Amino acid sequence: FFLSPLARRKQKWSVDPQNSAWSKDDSKFGQKMLEKMGWSKGKGLGAQEQGNTEHIKVQVKNNTLGLGATMNYEDNWIAHQDDFNQLLAELNNCHGQGET
């Protein structure tokens, strides 16, 4: 069985920016189970109802970076090069070779 390259193309899913479509659905299995155990909408989980009262917000990850990675365009390598050159100069001075 062979899949053509066109069949493996990435697909974009529709984005729900407020992430509210699933949270407004009251017919979900998990919500029904929690309500059977005494939980009601708007209360937190836990013995004293101290848990979060809102669902976790979802963000669309539309890049090829790993989770938690951020794009960093700063030129940190210049600062590291300056530190390295300073270290070399100090080592040369300690060992009597002077500036190179």
N, C-alpha and C. Protein backbone atom coordinates (compact mmCIF):
# COMPACT_ATOMS: atom_id res chain seq x y z
N PHE A 1 0.85 -1.17 0.00
CA PHE A 1 0.00 0.00 0.00
C PHE A 1 0.89 1.23 0.00
N PHE A 2 0.73 2.11 -0.96
CA PHE A 2 1.60 3.27 -1.14
C PHE A 2 0.78 4.55 -1.04
N LEU A 3 1.26 5.49 -0.22
CA LEU A 3 0.62 6.80 -0.11
C LEU A 3 1.39 7.79 -0.97
N SER A 4 0.70 8.53 -1.74
CA SER A 4 1.36 9.54 -2.56
C SER A 4 1.81 10.69 -1.67
N PRO A 5 2.81 11.46 -2.12
CA PRO A 5 3.26 12.62 -1.31
C PRO A 5 2.15 13.63 -1.06
N LEU A 6 1.18 13.70 -1.95
CA LEU A 6 0.09 14.66 -1.76
C LEU A 6 -0.81 14.25 -0.59
N ALA A 7 -0.90 12.95 -0.32
CA ALA A 7 -1.76 12.47 0.77
C ALA A 7 -1.17 12.78 2.13
N ARG A 8 0.13 13.04 2.20
CA ARG A 8 0.78 13.29 3.49
C ARG A 8 0.96 14.78 3.77
N ARG A 9 0.29 15.61 3.04
CA ARG A 9 0.41 17.05 3.20
C ARG A 9 -0.16 17.50 4.54
N LYS A 10 0.47 18.49 5.15
CA LYS A 10 -0.02 19.01 6.43
C LYS A 10 -1.37 19.69 6.24
N GLN A 11 -2.22 19.55 7.23
CA GLN A 11 -3.53 20.18 7.17
C GLN A 11 -3.64 21.20 8.29
N LYS A 12 -4.28 22.30 8.01
CA LYS A 12 -4.55 23.31 9.03
C LYS A 12 -5.93 23.05 9.60
N TRP A 13 -6.02 23.03 10.91
CA TRP A 13 -7.31 22.85 11.56
C TRP A 13 -7.92 24.21 11.80
N SER A 14 -9.23 24.24 11.86
CA SER A 14 -9.88 25.51 12.14
C SER A 14 -9.55 25.94 13.57
N VAL A 15 -9.43 27.21 13.76
CA VAL A 15 -9.01 27.76 15.04
C VAL A 15 -10.20 28.37 15.75
N ASP A 16 -10.39 27.99 16.99
CA ASP A 16 -11.42 28.57 17.84
C ASP A 16 -10.69 29.50 18.81
N PRO A 17 -10.57 30.79 18.49
CA PRO A 17 -9.71 31.67 19.29
C PRO A 17 -10.13 31.80 20.76
N GLN A 18 -11.39 31.68 21.06
CA GLN A 18 -11.83 31.79 22.45
C GLN A 18 -11.86 30.44 23.15
N ASN A 19 -11.65 29.36 22.41
CA ASN A 19 -11.68 28.00 22.94
C ASN A 19 -12.97 27.76 23.73
N SER A 20 -14.07 28.17 23.14
CA SER A 20 -15.33 28.09 23.86
C SER A 20 -16.29 27.06 23.27
N ALA A 21 -16.00 26.53 22.09
CA ALA A 21 -16.94 25.60 21.46
C ALA A 21 -17.14 24.36 22.32
N TRP A 22 -16.07 23.74 22.80
CA TRP A 22 -16.21 22.50 23.58
C TRP A 22 -16.66 22.79 25.00
N SER A 23 -16.31 23.96 25.55
CA SER A 23 -16.65 24.23 26.95
C SER A 23 -18.13 24.52 27.14
N LYS A 24 -18.82 24.87 26.07
CA LYS A 24 -20.25 25.16 26.18
C LYS A 24 -21.12 23.92 25.96
N ASP A 25 -20.49 22.81 25.57
CA ASP A 25 -21.23 21.57 25.31
C ASP A 25 -21.47 20.84 26.64
N ASP A 26 -22.73 20.72 27.04
CA ASP A 26 -23.06 20.09 28.32
C ASP A 26 -23.30 18.59 28.21
N SER A 27 -23.13 18.01 27.04
CA SER A 27 -23.41 16.58 26.87
C SER A 27 -22.14 15.73 26.90
N LYS A 28 -21.05 16.26 27.38
CA LYS A 28 -19.79 15.51 27.40
C LYS A 28 -19.79 14.45 28.50
N PHE A 29 -19.12 13.33 28.23
CA PHE A 29 -19.07 12.21 29.16
C PHE A 29 -18.44 12.62 30.50
N GLY A 30 -17.30 13.30 30.46
CA GLY A 30 -16.60 13.69 31.68
C GLY A 30 -17.43 14.60 32.57
N GLN A 31 -18.10 15.56 31.95
CA GLN A 31 -18.93 16.47 32.73
C GLN A 31 -20.10 15.73 33.37
N LYS A 32 -20.69 14.79 32.65
CA LYS A 32 -21.79 14.02 33.22
C LYS A 32 -21.32 13.19 34.42
N MET A 33 -20.14 12.59 34.30
CA MET A 33 -19.60 11.79 35.40
C MET A 33 -19.33 12.66 36.63
N LEU A 34 -18.73 13.83 36.43
CA LEU A 34 -18.46 14.73 37.56
C LEU A 34 -19.75 15.18 38.24
N GLU A 35 -20.77 15.48 37.43
CA GLU A 35 -22.04 15.91 38.01
C GLU A 35 -22.70 14.79 38.82
N LYS A 36 -22.53 13.54 38.40
CA LYS A 36 -23.06 12.42 39.16
C LYS A 36 -22.37 12.29 40.51
N MET A 37 -21.12 12.76 40.60
CA MET A 37 -20.36 12.67 41.85
C MET A 37 -20.50 13.92 42.71
N GLY A 38 -21.38 14.86 42.33
CA GLY A 38 -21.65 16.00 43.18
C GLY A 38 -21.07 17.32 42.72
N TRP A 39 -20.32 17.33 41.64
CA TRP A 39 -19.74 18.58 41.13
C TRP A 39 -20.79 19.34 40.35
N SER A 40 -20.74 20.65 40.40
CA SER A 40 -21.62 21.46 39.56
C SER A 40 -20.79 22.53 38.85
N LYS A 41 -21.30 22.99 37.75
CA LYS A 41 -20.59 23.95 36.90
C LYS A 41 -20.29 25.23 37.69
N GLY A 42 -19.07 25.72 37.57
CA GLY A 42 -18.67 26.94 38.27
C GLY A 42 -17.93 26.68 39.57
N LYS A 43 -17.94 25.43 40.06
CA LYS A 43 -17.22 25.08 41.29
C LYS A 43 -15.90 24.41 40.94
N GLY A 44 -14.93 24.52 41.83
CA GLY A 44 -13.65 23.87 41.63
C GLY A 44 -13.66 22.45 42.13
N LEU A 45 -12.71 21.65 41.66
CA LEU A 45 -12.57 20.29 42.16
C LEU A 45 -11.81 20.29 43.47
N GLY A 46 -12.00 19.29 44.28
CA GLY A 46 -11.30 19.17 45.55
C GLY A 46 -12.28 19.11 46.70
N ALA A 47 -11.77 18.75 47.87
CA ALA A 47 -12.63 18.59 49.05
C ALA A 47 -13.28 19.91 49.45
N GLN A 48 -12.54 21.01 49.35
CA GLN A 48 -13.09 22.32 49.70
C GLN A 48 -13.41 23.14 48.44
N GLU A 49 -13.53 22.48 47.31
CA GLU A 49 -13.80 23.15 46.02
C GLU A 49 -12.78 24.23 45.73
N GLN A 50 -11.49 23.95 46.03
CA GLN A 50 -10.43 24.94 45.89
C GLN A 50 -9.77 24.90 44.52
N GLY A 51 -10.15 23.97 43.64
CA GLY A 51 -9.50 23.82 42.34
C GLY A 51 -9.89 24.92 41.37
N ASN A 52 -9.27 24.87 40.19
CA ASN A 52 -9.56 25.85 39.15
C ASN A 52 -11.02 25.76 38.73
N THR A 53 -11.61 26.89 38.45
CA THR A 53 -13.00 26.91 38.01
C THR A 53 -13.12 27.10 36.51
N GLU A 54 -12.02 27.39 35.83
CA GLU A 54 -12.03 27.56 34.38
C GLU A 54 -11.14 26.52 33.74
N HIS A 55 -11.42 26.20 32.50
CA HIS A 55 -10.62 25.22 31.79
C HIS A 55 -9.28 25.82 31.36
N ILE A 56 -8.37 24.95 31.03
CA ILE A 56 -7.04 25.39 30.58
C ILE A 56 -7.17 25.99 29.20
N LYS A 57 -6.54 27.14 28.99
CA LYS A 57 -6.60 27.81 27.70
C LYS A 57 -5.65 27.13 26.73
N VAL A 58 -6.07 27.03 25.50
CA VAL A 58 -5.30 26.37 24.46
C VAL A 58 -4.77 27.42 23.51
N GLN A 59 -3.51 27.26 23.10
CA GLN A 59 -2.93 28.14 22.10
C GLN A 59 -2.56 27.30 20.88
N VAL A 60 -2.75 27.87 19.72
CA VAL A 60 -2.39 27.17 18.50
C VAL A 60 -0.89 27.26 18.31
N LYS A 61 -0.25 26.13 18.08
CA LYS A 61 1.18 26.08 17.82
C LYS A 61 1.33 25.89 16.32
N ASN A 62 1.68 26.96 15.63
CA ASN A 62 1.72 26.94 14.18
C ASN A 62 3.15 27.09 13.67
N ASN A 63 4.09 26.35 14.26
CA ASN A 63 5.48 26.39 13.80
C ASN A 63 6.11 25.03 14.02
N THR A 64 7.35 24.88 13.66
CA THR A 64 8.03 23.60 13.77
C THR A 64 8.97 23.54 14.96
N LEU A 65 8.89 24.52 15.86
CA LEU A 65 9.71 24.51 17.07
C LEU A 65 9.16 23.50 18.06
N GLY A 66 9.98 23.07 18.99
CA GLY A 66 9.52 22.17 20.04
C GLY A 66 8.63 22.91 21.02
N LEU A 67 7.94 22.16 21.87
CA LEU A 67 7.07 22.78 22.87
C LEU A 67 7.91 23.59 23.85
N GLY A 68 7.51 24.81 24.11
CA GLY A 68 8.22 25.68 25.04
C GLY A 68 9.36 26.45 24.40
N ALA A 69 9.71 26.14 23.16
CA ALA A 69 10.82 26.85 22.50
C ALA A 69 10.34 28.20 22.00
N THR A 70 11.21 29.15 22.05
CA THR A 70 10.91 30.48 21.54
C THR A 70 11.98 30.88 20.54
N MET A 71 11.59 31.71 19.60
CA MET A 71 12.55 32.22 18.63
C MET A 71 13.38 33.29 19.32
N ASN A 72 14.69 33.18 19.22
CA ASN A 72 15.58 34.14 19.85
C ASN A 72 16.54 34.65 18.79
N TYR A 73 16.35 35.88 18.38
CA TYR A 73 17.16 36.44 17.31
C TYR A 73 18.29 37.33 17.84
N GLU A 74 18.51 37.33 19.12
CA GLU A 74 19.55 38.18 19.69
C GLU A 74 20.93 37.66 19.29
N ASP A 75 21.87 38.57 19.22
CA ASP A 75 23.24 38.19 18.88
C ASP A 75 24.05 37.91 20.13
N ASN A 76 23.67 36.85 20.84
CA ASN A 76 24.37 36.49 22.07
C ASN A 76 25.77 35.97 21.79
N TRP A 77 25.99 35.47 20.60
CA TRP A 77 27.30 34.92 20.29
C TRP A 77 28.38 35.98 20.35
N ILE A 78 28.04 37.24 20.08
CA ILE A 78 29.03 38.32 20.16
C ILE A 78 29.47 38.51 21.61
N ALA A 79 28.54 38.49 22.52
CA ALA A 79 28.88 38.64 23.94
C ALA A 79 29.74 37.48 24.41
N HIS A 80 29.43 36.27 23.98
CA HIS A 80 30.23 35.11 24.37
C HIS A 80 31.64 35.20 23.78
N GLN A 81 31.76 35.70 22.56
CA GLN A 81 33.06 35.84 21.93
C GLN A 81 33.90 36.87 22.68
N ASP A 82 33.30 37.96 23.12
CA ASP A 82 34.02 38.97 23.90
C ASP A 82 34.50 38.40 25.22
N ASP A 83 33.64 37.63 25.90
CA ASP A 83 34.04 37.00 27.16
C ASP A 83 35.19 36.02 26.94
N PHE A 84 35.14 35.26 25.86
CA PHE A 84 36.19 34.30 25.56
C PHE A 84 37.52 35.01 25.27
N ASN A 85 37.45 36.10 24.50
CA ASN A 85 38.67 36.86 24.20
C ASN A 85 39.27 37.46 25.47
N GLN A 86 38.43 37.93 26.39
CA GLN A 86 38.91 38.48 27.64
C GLN A 86 39.59 37.39 28.48
N LEU A 87 39.00 36.22 28.52
CA LEU A 87 39.59 35.10 29.26
C LEU A 87 40.94 34.71 28.67
N LEU A 88 41.03 34.66 27.35
CA LEU A 88 42.31 34.34 26.72
C LEU A 88 43.38 35.38 27.05
N ALA A 89 43.00 36.66 27.04
CA ALA A 89 43.95 37.73 27.35
C ALA A 89 44.44 37.60 28.78
N GLU A 90 43.55 37.28 29.71
CA GLU A 90 43.94 37.13 31.11
C GLU A 90 44.86 35.93 31.29
N LEU A 91 44.57 34.83 30.58
CA LEU A 91 45.45 33.66 30.66
C LEU A 91 46.83 33.95 30.08
N ASN A 92 46.87 34.68 28.98
CA ASN A 92 48.16 35.04 28.38
C ASN A 92 48.96 35.94 29.30
N ASN A 93 48.30 36.86 30.00
CA ASN A 93 49.00 37.74 30.92
C ASN A 93 49.53 36.98 32.13
N CYS A 94 48.77 36.00 32.60
CA CYS A 94 49.20 35.20 33.76
C CYS A 94 50.42 34.35 33.42
N HIS A 95 50.50 33.90 32.19
CA HIS A 95 51.59 33.00 31.82
C HIS A 95 52.72 33.72 31.10
N GLY A 96 52.72 35.04 31.09
CA GLY A 96 53.81 35.83 30.59
C GLY A 96 53.96 35.91 29.08
N GLN A 97 52.90 35.59 28.33
CA GLN A 97 53.02 35.65 26.89
C GLN A 97 52.56 37.00 26.34
N GLY A 98 51.90 37.80 27.13
CA GLY A 98 51.47 39.13 26.69
C GLY A 98 50.33 39.05 25.70
N GLU A 99 50.11 40.16 24.99
CA GLU A 99 49.03 40.24 24.02
C GLU A 99 49.39 39.46 22.76
N THR A 100 48.41 38.80 22.17
CA THR A 100 48.61 38.12 20.90
C THR A 100 47.70 38.68 19.85
